[in-house]
């Protein structure tokens, strides 16, 4: 679990995962925050999930490797993440 703030330009996390694992996000607050999950896999860069609102999301992972999670404010103001 990660708690923090986006700052005005967002925050990036990188996690290593195995094939078959899942990333589960419960992103709060529901507004003024967005998320993008991407990886550089076998077929190049792939965006696995993108939303411009908070909520609960589950992303299944097909390949082992690093996954980049970007969480940012959609109004360029820092948002506290719970």
PDB file of N, CA and C in Angstrom:
ATOM      1  N   UNK A   1       0.853  -1.168   0.000  1.00  0.00           N
ATOM      2  CA  UNK A   1       0.000   0.000   0.000  1.00  0.00           C
ATOM      3  C   UNK A   1       0.899   1.230   0.000  1.00  0.00           C
ATOM      4  N   UNK A   2       0.530   2.193  -0.812  1.00  0.00           N
ATOM      5  CA  UNK A   2       1.291   3.438  -0.908  1.00  0.00           C
ATOM      6  C   UNK A   2       0.355   4.601  -0.620  1.00  0.00           C
ATOM      7  N   UNK A   3       0.799   5.494   0.257  1.00  0.00           N
ATOM      8  CA  UNK A   3       0.072   6.731   0.518  1.00  0.00           C
ATOM      9  C   UNK A   3       1.029   7.870   0.238  1.00  0.00           C
ATOM     10  N   UNK A   4       0.503   8.962  -0.273  1.00  0.00           N
ATOM     11  CA  UNK A   4       1.361  10.100  -0.568  1.00  0.00           C
ATOM     12  C   UNK A   4       0.588  11.186  -1.252  1.00  0.00           C
ATOM     13  N   UNK A   5       1.296  11.926  -2.096  1.00  0.00           N
ATOM     14  CA  UNK A   5       0.665  13.017  -2.842  1.00  0.00           C
ATOM     15  C   UNK A   5       1.241  13.038  -4.248  1.00  0.00           C
ATOM     16  N   UNK A   6       0.465  13.533  -5.187  1.00  0.00           N
ATOM     17  CA  UNK A   6       0.887  13.563  -6.579  1.00  0.00           C
ATOM     18  C   UNK A   6       1.854  14.688  -6.886  1.00  0.00           C
ATOM     19  N   UNK A   7       1.851  15.747  -6.082  1.00  0.00           N
ATOM     20  CA  UNK A   7       2.579  16.942  -6.472  1.00  0.00           C
ATOM     21  C   UNK A   7       1.895  17.537  -7.692  1.00  0.00           C
ATOM     22  N   UNK A   8       2.407  18.615  -8.220  1.00  0.00           N
ATOM     23  CA  UNK A   8       1.751  19.240  -9.370  1.00  0.00           C
ATOM     24  C   UNK A   8       2.028  18.497 -10.677  1.00  0.00           C
ATOM     25  N   UNK A   9       3.101  17.698 -10.724  1.00  0.00           N
ATOM     26  CA  UNK A   9       3.449  17.010 -11.971  1.00  0.00           C
ATOM     27  C   UNK A   9       3.273  15.495 -11.910  1.00  0.00           C
ATOM     28  N   UNK A  10       2.767  14.958 -10.824  1.00  0.00           N
ATOM     29  CA  UNK A  10       2.511  13.524 -10.723  1.00  0.00           C
ATOM     30  C   UNK A  10       3.641  12.769 -10.048  1.00  0.00           C
ATOM     31  N   UNK A  11       3.408  11.494  -9.821  1.00  0.00           N
ATOM     32  CA  UNK A  11       4.382  10.633  -9.170  1.00  0.00           C
ATOM     33  C   UNK A  11       4.433   9.312  -9.935  1.00  0.00           C
ATOM     34  N   UNK A  12       5.627   8.741 -10.039  1.00  0.00           N
ATOM     35  CA  UNK A  12       5.813   7.505 -10.783  1.00  0.00           C
ATOM     36  C   UNK A  12       6.360   6.422  -9.861  1.00  0.00           C
ATOM     37  N   UNK A  13       5.813   5.227  -9.976  1.00  0.00           N
ATOM     38  CA  UNK A  13       6.283   4.053  -9.244  1.00  0.00           C
ATOM     39  C   UNK A  13       6.641   2.986 -10.264  1.00  0.00           C
ATOM     40  N   UNK A  14       7.664   2.207  -9.981  1.00  0.00           N
ATOM     41  CA  UNK A  14       8.032   1.077 -10.825  1.00  0.00           C
ATOM     42  C   UNK A  14       8.014  -0.170  -9.955  1.00  0.00           C
ATOM     43  N   UNK A  15       7.279  -1.183 -10.401  1.00  0.00           N
ATOM     44  CA  UNK A  15       7.219  -2.449  -9.673  1.00  0.00           C
ATOM     45  C   UNK A  15       7.614  -3.579 -10.613  1.00  0.00           C
ATOM     46  N   UNK A  16       8.264  -4.582 -10.082  1.00  0.00           N
ATOM     47  CA  UNK A  16       8.609  -5.785 -10.837  1.00  0.00           C
ATOM     48  C   UNK A  16       7.575  -6.845 -10.479  1.00  0.00           C
ATOM     49  N   UNK A  17       7.083  -7.513 -11.512  1.00  0.00           N
ATOM     50  CA  UNK A  17       6.049  -8.530 -11.285  1.00  0.00           C
ATOM     51  C   UNK A  17       6.303  -9.724 -12.191  1.00  0.00           C
ATOM     52  N   UNK A  18       5.676 -10.836 -11.829  1.00  0.00           N
ATOM     53  CA  UNK A  18       5.780 -12.059 -12.609  1.00  0.00           C
ATOM     54  C   UNK A  18       4.539 -12.237 -13.471  1.00  0.00           C
ATOM     55  N   UNK A  19       4.682 -13.004 -14.516  1.00  0.00           N
ATOM     56  CA  UNK A  19       3.554 -13.335 -15.375  1.00  0.00           C
ATOM     57  C   UNK A  19       2.445 -13.973 -14.546  1.00  0.00           C
ATOM     58  N   UNK A  20       1.210 -13.559 -14.788  1.00  0.00           N
ATOM     59  CA  UNK A  20       0.065 -14.115 -14.069  1.00  0.00           C
ATOM     60  C   UNK A  20      -0.321 -13.339 -12.823  1.00  0.00           C
ATOM     61  N   UNK A  21       0.525 -12.436 -12.355  1.00  0.00           N
ATOM     62  CA  UNK A  21       0.177 -11.643 -11.187  1.00  0.00           C
ATOM     63  C   UNK A  21      -0.789 -10.530 -11.589  1.00  0.00           C
ATOM     64  N   UNK A  22      -1.376  -9.871 -10.588  1.00  0.00           N
ATOM     65  CA  UNK A  22      -2.311  -8.770 -10.822  1.00  0.00           C
ATOM     66  C   UNK A  22      -1.857  -7.550 -10.036  1.00  0.00           C
ATOM     67  N   UNK A  23      -2.116  -6.400 -10.611  1.00  0.00           N
ATOM     68  CA  UNK A  23      -1.993  -5.145  -9.880  1.00  0.00           C
ATOM     69  C   UNK A  23      -3.409  -4.699  -9.553  1.00  0.00           C
ATOM     70  N   UNK A  24      -3.657  -4.407  -8.299  1.00  0.00           N
ATOM     71  CA  UNK A  24      -4.980  -3.938  -7.876  1.00  0.00           C
ATOM     72  C   UNK A  24      -4.796  -2.550  -7.268  1.00  0.00           C
ATOM     73  N   UNK A  25      -5.566  -1.608  -7.810  1.00  0.00           N
ATOM     74  CA  UNK A  25      -5.485  -0.217  -7.366  1.00  0.00           C
ATOM     75  C   UNK A  25      -6.812   0.190  -6.748  1.00  0.00           C
ATOM     76  N   UNK A  26      -6.733   0.820  -5.608  1.00  0.00           N
ATOM     77  CA  UNK A  26      -7.893   1.501  -5.027  1.00  0.00           C
ATOM     78  C   UNK A  26      -7.459   2.953  -4.893  1.00  0.00           C
ATOM     79  N   UNK A  27      -7.752   3.722  -5.924  1.00  0.00           N
ATOM     80  CA  UNK A  27      -7.247   5.081  -6.051  1.00  0.00           C
ATOM     81  C   UNK A  27      -8.266   6.066  -5.497  1.00  0.00           C
ATOM     82  N   UNK A  28      -7.894   6.741  -4.404  1.00  0.00           N
ATOM     83  CA  UNK A  28      -8.756   7.754  -3.812  1.00  0.00           C
ATOM     84  C   UNK A  28      -7.955   9.041  -3.683  1.00  0.00           C
ATOM     85  N   UNK A  29      -8.554  10.148  -3.937  1.00  0.00           N
ATOM     86  CA  UNK A  29      -9.973  10.436  -4.116  1.00  0.00           C
ATOM     87  C   UNK A  29     -10.459  10.009  -5.503  1.00  0.00           C
ATOM     88  N   UNK A  30     -11.758  10.099  -5.708  1.00  0.00           N
ATOM     89  CA  UNK A  30     -12.368   9.691  -6.972  1.00  0.00           C
ATOM     90  C   UNK A  30     -12.218  10.729  -8.072  1.00  0.00           C
ATOM     91  N   UNK A  31     -11.922  11.974  -7.721  1.00  0.00           N
ATOM     92  CA  UNK A  31     -11.819  13.029  -8.734  1.00  0.00           C
ATOM     93  C   UNK A  31     -10.456  13.710  -8.656  1.00  0.00           C
ATOM     94  N   UNK A  32     -10.115  14.432  -9.717  1.00  0.00           N
ATOM     95  CA  UNK A  32      -8.880  15.210  -9.824  1.00  0.00           C
ATOM     96  C   UNK A  32      -7.604  14.376  -9.841  1.00  0.00           C
ATOM     97  N   UNK A  33      -7.712  13.079 -10.104  1.00  0.00           N
ATOM     98  CA  UNK A  33      -6.539  12.217 -10.141  1.00  0.00           C
ATOM     99  C   UNK A  33      -6.701  11.204 -11.273  1.00  0.00           C
ATOM    100  N   UNK A  34      -5.601  10.878 -11.929  1.00  0.00           N
ATOM    101  CA  UNK A  34      -5.632   9.897 -13.005  1.00  0.00           C
ATOM    102  C   UNK A  34      -4.488   8.911 -12.847  1.00  0.00           C
ATOM    103  N   UNK A  35      -4.567   7.782 -13.573  1.00  0.00           N
ATOM    104  CA  UNK A  35      -3.565   6.733 -13.462  1.00  0.00           C
ATOM    105  C   UNK A  35      -3.269   6.160 -14.842  1.00  0.00           C
ATOM    106  N   UNK A  36      -2.001   5.798 -15.038  1.00  0.00           N
ATOM    107  CA  UNK A  36      -1.605   5.102 -16.262  1.00  0.00           C
ATOM    108  C   UNK A  36      -0.611   4.015 -15.871  1.00  0.00           C
ATOM    109  N   UNK A  37      -0.834   2.790 -16.378  1.00  0.00           N
ATOM    110  CA  UNK A  37       0.052   1.660 -16.133  1.00  0.00           C
ATOM    111  C   UNK A  37       0.623   1.236 -17.480  1.00  0.00           C
ATOM    112  N   UNK A  38       1.946   1.138 -17.566  1.00  0.00           N
ATOM    113  CA  UNK A  38       2.567   0.747 -18.834  1.00  0.00           C
ATOM    114  C   UNK A  38       3.755  -0.173 -18.576  1.00  0.00           C
ATOM    115  N   UNK A  39       4.182  -0.863 -19.638  1.00  0.00           N
ATOM    116  CA  UNK A  39       5.354  -1.722 -19.567  1.00  0.00           C
ATOM    117  C   UNK A  39       6.060  -1.724 -20.910  1.00  0.00           C
ATOM    118  N   UNK A  40       7.334  -2.036 -20.895  1.00  0.00           N
ATOM    119  CA  UNK A  40       8.104  -2.251 -22.114  1.00  0.00           C
ATOM    120  C   UNK A  40       8.293  -3.762 -22.227  1.00  0.00           C
ATOM    121  N   UNK A  41       7.360  -4.424 -22.894  1.00  0.00           N
ATOM    122  CA  UNK A  41       7.359  -5.875 -22.978  1.00  0.00           C
ATOM    123  C   UNK A  41       7.925  -6.397 -24.284  1.00  0.00           C
ATOM    124  N   UNK A  42       7.624  -7.629 -24.566  1.00  0.00           N
ATOM    125  CA  UNK A  42       8.087  -8.306 -25.766  1.00  0.00           C
ATOM    126  C   UNK A  42       7.723  -7.548 -27.032  1.00  0.00           C
ATOM    127  N   UNK A  43       6.572  -6.913 -27.049  1.00  0.00           N
ATOM    128  CA  UNK A  43       6.076  -6.225 -28.238  1.00  0.00           C
ATOM    129  C   UNK A  43       6.266  -4.713 -28.175  1.00  0.00           C
ATOM    130  N   UNK A  44       7.171  -4.256 -27.327  1.00  0.00           N
ATOM    131  CA  UNK A  44       7.429  -2.826 -27.184  1.00  0.00           C
ATOM    132  C   UNK A  44       6.609  -2.223 -26.054  1.00  0.00           C
ATOM    133  N   UNK A  45       6.527  -0.898 -26.034  1.00  0.00           N
ATOM    134  CA  UNK A  45       5.791  -0.212 -24.968  1.00  0.00           C
ATOM    135  C   UNK A  45       4.293  -0.461 -25.119  1.00  0.00           C
ATOM    136  N   UNK A  46       3.677  -0.844 -24.013  1.00  0.00           N
ATOM    137  CA  UNK A  46       2.230  -1.091 -24.002  1.00  0.00           C
ATOM    138  C   UNK A  46       1.603  -0.373 -22.816  1.00  0.00           C
ATOM    139  N   UNK A  47       0.517   0.357 -23.072  1.00  0.00           N
ATOM    140  CA  UNK A  47      -0.266   0.957 -21.995  1.00  0.00           C
ATOM    141  C   UNK A  47      -1.342  -0.072 -21.630  1.00  0.00           C
ATOM    142  N   UNK A  48      -1.306  -0.535 -20.389  1.00  0.00           N
ATOM    143  CA  UNK A  48      -2.219  -1.576 -19.944  1.00  0.00           C
ATOM    144  C   UNK A  48      -3.497  -1.024 -19.340  1.00  0.00           C
ATOM    145  N   UNK A  49      -3.397   0.177 -18.801  1.00  0.00           N
ATOM    146  CA  UNK A  49      -4.578   0.767 -18.159  1.00  0.00           C
ATOM    147  C   UNK A  49      -4.402   2.276 -18.103  1.00  0.00           C
ATOM    148  N   UNK A  50      -5.486   2.988 -18.362  1.00  0.00           N
ATOM    149  CA  UNK A  50      -5.465   4.448 -18.259  1.00  0.00           C
ATOM    150  C   UNK A  50      -6.854   4.928 -17.855  1.00  0.00           C
ATOM    151  N   UNK A  51      -6.910   5.730 -16.811  1.00  0.00           N
ATOM    152  CA  UNK A  51      -8.174   6.301 -16.317  1.00  0.00           C
ATOM    153  C   UNK A  51      -7.915   7.727 -15.872  1.00  0.00           C
ATOM    154  N   UNK A  52      -8.899   8.579 -16.041  1.00  0.00           N
ATOM    155  CA  UNK A  52      -8.799   9.961 -15.567  1.00  0.00           C
ATOM    156  C   UNK A  52      -9.735  10.201 -14.397  1.00  0.00           C
ATOM    157  N   UNK A  53      -9.841   9.211 -13.542  1.00  0.00           N
ATOM    158  CA  UNK A  53     -10.621   9.326 -12.297  1.00  0.00           C
ATOM    159  C   UNK A  53     -10.148   8.242 -11.342  1.00  0.00           C
ATOM    160  N   UNK A  54     -10.407   8.455 -10.079  1.00  0.00           N
ATOM    161  CA  UNK A  54     -10.068   7.459  -9.087  1.00  0.00           C
ATOM    162  C   UNK A  54     -11.053   6.304  -9.140  1.00  0.00           C
ATOM    163  N   UNK A  55     -10.807   5.306  -8.325  1.00  0.00           N
ATOM    164  CA  UNK A  55     -11.676   4.138  -8.285  1.00  0.00           C
ATOM    165  C   UNK A  55     -10.853   2.889  -8.030  1.00  0.00           C
ATOM    166  N   UNK A  56     -11.476   1.738  -8.172  1.00  0.00           N
ATOM    167  CA  UNK A  56     -10.805   0.463  -7.978  1.00  0.00           C
ATOM    168  C   UNK A  56     -10.603  -0.193  -9.334  1.00  0.00           C
ATOM    169  N   UNK A  57      -9.366  -0.580  -9.618  1.00  0.00           N
ATOM    170  CA  UNK A  57      -9.013  -1.158 -10.908  1.00  0.00           C
ATOM    171  C   UNK A  57      -8.115  -2.374 -10.694  1.00  0.00           C
ATOM    172  N   UNK A  58      -8.262  -3.348 -11.560  1.00  0.00           N
ATOM    173  CA  UNK A  58      -7.447  -4.553 -11.518  1.00  0.00           C
ATOM    174  C   UNK A  58      -6.815  -4.753 -12.900  1.00  0.00           C
ATOM    175  N   UNK A  59      -5.492  -4.968 -12.915  1.00  0.00           N
ATOM    176  CA  UNK A  59      -4.770  -5.137 -14.171  1.00  0.00           C
ATOM    177  C   UNK A  59      -4.043  -6.480 -14.118  1.00  0.00           C
ATOM    178  N   UNK A  60      -4.404  -7.393 -15.017  1.00  0.00           N
ATOM    179  CA  UNK A  60      -3.721  -8.682 -15.117  1.00  0.00           C
ATOM    180  C   UNK A  60      -2.435  -8.520 -15.915  1.00  0.00           C
ATOM    181  N   UNK A  61      -1.380  -9.188 -15.475  1.00  0.00           N
ATOM    182  CA  UNK A  61      -0.065  -9.040 -16.096  1.00  0.00           C
ATOM    183  C   UNK A  61       0.304 -10.319 -16.838  1.00  0.00           C
ATOM    184  N   UNK A  62       0.609 -10.178 -18.111  1.00  0.00           N
ATOM    185  CA  UNK A  62       0.910 -11.342 -18.943  1.00  0.00           C
ATOM    186  C   UNK A  62       2.389 -11.687 -19.000  1.00  0.00           C
ATOM    187  N   UNK A  63       3.266 -10.719 -18.714  1.00  0.00           N
ATOM    188  CA  UNK A  63       4.700 -10.942 -18.825  1.00  0.00           C
ATOM    189  C   UNK A  63       5.415 -10.572 -17.534  1.00  0.00           C
ATOM    190  N   UNK A  64       6.518 -11.239 -17.271  1.00  0.00           N
ATOM    191  CA  UNK A  64       7.374 -10.864 -16.165  1.00  0.00           C
ATOM    192  C   UNK A  64       8.154  -9.617 -16.558  1.00  0.00           C
ATOM    193  N   UNK A  65       8.321  -8.709 -15.627  1.00  0.00           N
ATOM    194  CA  UNK A  65       9.109  -7.513 -15.918  1.00  0.00           C
ATOM    195  C   UNK A  65       8.714  -6.337 -15.058  1.00  0.00           C
ATOM    196  N   UNK A  66       9.204  -5.172 -15.451  1.00  0.00           N
ATOM    197  CA  UNK A  66       8.923  -3.935 -14.729  1.00  0.00           C
ATOM    198  C   UNK A  66       7.676  -3.275 -15.295  1.00  0.00           C
ATOM    199  N   UNK A  67       6.858  -2.760 -14.401  1.00  0.00           N
ATOM    200  CA  UNK A  67       5.631  -2.044 -14.764  1.00  0.00           C
ATOM    201  C   UNK A  67       5.705  -0.660 -14.159  1.00  0.00           C
ATOM    202  N   UNK A  68       5.460   0.356 -14.970  1.00  0.00           N
ATOM    203  CA  UNK A  68       5.514   1.744 -14.532  1.00  0.00           C
ATOM    204  C   UNK A  68       4.098   2.235 -14.275  1.00  0.00           C
ATOM    205  N   UNK A  69       3.895   2.778 -13.082  1.00  0.00           N
ATOM    206  CA  UNK A  69       2.589   3.291 -12.662  1.00  0.00           C
ATOM    207  C   UNK A  69       2.744   4.796 -12.460  1.00  0.00           C
ATOM    208  N   UNK A  70       2.015   5.566 -13.234  1.00  0.00           N
ATOM    209  CA  UNK A  70       2.034   7.017 -13.099  1.00  0.00           C
ATOM    210  C   UNK A  70       0.692   7.458 -12.528  1.00  0.00           C
ATOM    211  N   UNK A  71       0.741   8.226 -11.450  1.00  0.00           N
ATOM    212  CA  UNK A  71      -0.467   8.781 -10.842  1.00  0.00           C
ATOM    213  C   UNK A  71      -0.300  10.292 -10.822  1.00  0.00           C
ATOM    214  N   UNK A  72      -1.259  10.983 -11.413  1.00  0.00           N
ATOM    215  CA  UNK A  72      -1.124  12.427 -11.514  1.00  0.00           C
ATOM    216  C   UNK A  72      -2.426  13.169 -11.320  1.00  0.00           C
ATOM    217  N   UNK A  73      -2.287  14.425 -11.024  1.00  0.00           N
ATOM    218  CA  UNK A  73      -3.417  15.333 -10.885  1.00  0.00           C
ATOM    219  C   UNK A  73      -3.905  15.719 -12.271  1.00  0.00           C
ATOM    220  N   UNK A  74      -5.203  15.794 -12.455  1.00  0.00           N
ATOM    221  CA  UNK A  74      -5.728  16.228 -13.756  1.00  0.00           C
ATOM    222  C   UNK A  74      -5.958  17.738 -13.805  1.00  0.00           C
ATOM    223  N   UNK A  75      -5.687  18.436 -12.694  1.00  0.00           N
ATOM    224  CA  UNK A  75      -5.841  19.897 -12.679  1.00  0.00           C
ATOM    225  C   UNK A  75      -4.552  20.613 -12.269  1.00  0.00           C
ATOM    226  N   UNK A  76      -3.411  19.902 -12.353  1.00  0.00           N
ATOM    227  CA  UNK A  76      -2.082  20.465 -12.060  1.00  0.00           C
ATOM    228  C   UNK A  76      -1.912  20.985 -10.640  1.00  0.00           C
ATOM    229  N   UNK A  77      -2.711  20.453  -9.725  1.00  0.00           N
ATOM    230  CA  UNK A  77      -2.556  20.777  -8.295  1.00  0.00           C
ATOM    231  C   UNK A  77      -2.336  19.481  -7.543  1.00  0.00           C
ATOM    232  N   UNK A  78      -1.502  19.517  -6.528  1.00  0.00           N
ATOM    233  CA  UNK A  78      -1.198  18.314  -5.762  1.00  0.00           C
ATOM    234  C   UNK A  78      -2.458  17.697  -5.167  1.00  0.00           C
ATOM    235  N   UNK A  79      -2.555  16.372  -5.239  1.00  0.00           N
ATOM    236  CA  UNK A  79      -3.688  15.641  -4.690  1.00  0.00           C
ATOM    237  C   UNK A  79      -3.137  14.638  -3.675  1.00  0.00           C
ATOM    238  N   UNK A  80      -3.673  14.630  -2.453  1.00  0.00           N
ATOM    239  CA  UNK A  80      -3.279  13.640  -1.445  1.00  0.00           C
ATOM    240  C   UNK A  80      -3.924  12.313  -1.761  1.00  0.00           C
ATOM    241  N   UNK A  81      -3.095  11.265  -1.793  1.00  0.00           N
ATOM    242  CA  UNK A  81      -3.595   9.912  -2.067  1.00  0.00           C
ATOM    243  C   UNK A  81      -3.743   9.174  -0.748  1.00  0.00           C
ATOM    244  N   UNK A  82      -4.856   8.527  -0.569  1.00  0.00           N
ATOM    245  CA  UNK A  82      -5.095   7.809   0.677  1.00  0.00           C
ATOM    246  C   UNK A  82      -4.833   6.340   0.500  1.00  0.00           C
TER     247      UNK A  82
END
